[in-house]
Every structure is written in C-alpha cells, then in structure tokens.
Amino acid sequence: MKYILLSVIFLAAGCVETQKPEAVFIQTDQHASRNLPFSQAVRYGDLLFVSGQIGELENGEVIKGGIIPETTQTMLNIQKILEANGSSMENVIKCTCMLADIDDWARMSSAYVKFFPKHKPARSAFATTGLAMGAKVEIECIATVE
C-alpha cells in the first residue's frame, strides 16, 4: 500500500506542467515616441533586465557637471524604471558599467555605491567609445521583481 501511494504521488508530481515565463517588453510612451532600437526593460519571470541608461534629464539632455552628476542621474533613471516595474535598487543583482574614460572609474564608483547601502550587486565595468549623446557613463542592470 505504501508503495502504491508513493507511486501515485510521484506520478501526480510528474504530470504538473511547468509554464515557461513570457518576455514582457517595457517602454513608456515617451520612450516609444523616440523610436529607439531597444526597450527600456524586459521582464522575464521574476527578473527585470534594464537597458543601458545614461544621465539623461527629463528634457532629453545629458546632465552637465562631469562623471559624478552623470552617474547619479543615471542611477536615478534606473531606480525610476525599477520602481515602475515592481522592483527596487535593493533587488539589483548585477550591473554593467560602461565608461567613456576608464580614468573616471573611481569617481563613477563613488556615486554608484551610494545607491547600494545594504548590498553590492555583481558588477562589471569597462571603457568603451561612442556612448549615446556623448555620455561619460552608461549602466545597465538586472534585478529581481518582488
């Protein structure tokens, strides 16, 4: 009897169909109106992939003042996207930071870490050329969704 009951339990467990998550492509109306070749974020299951953000202000210009204000504005832009989609800075698990000048790494990091007082996500950082709108920094991230 015990073996029959266990067989029924295992058979029932094996019949449960797991559903594959569907990718949800996210963009605000403002972002969509710019006809950019990417979504602001993509949600896949419990993960939110935020596209690279720069220190762009609401008026469409990159904030002035150098790498520190630019990094701060970039992180605020990321925070806004996360919070609009059921996540937060506390849920960020990975960031990739792209710098126009690797000599800005330490200053960028000093502004970046202020957004992660409790934990530091996994991170990569590298120098590249040709960031959008002449930006000094672009940051993308992956976060869990609550």
Foldseek 3Di string as FASTA:
>chain_A
DVVVVVVVVVVVVVPDDDDFWDKDFDADPVRVVVVDPGGQWIDGPQKIWGPKFWLADPVGARDDDDLQSGLLSRVVVVQVVQVVQQHGLQFWAEKEKEFQDCVCVVSSVVNVCVRPPPDDHHYHYDYDDDDPNPGGMIMITMGGGD
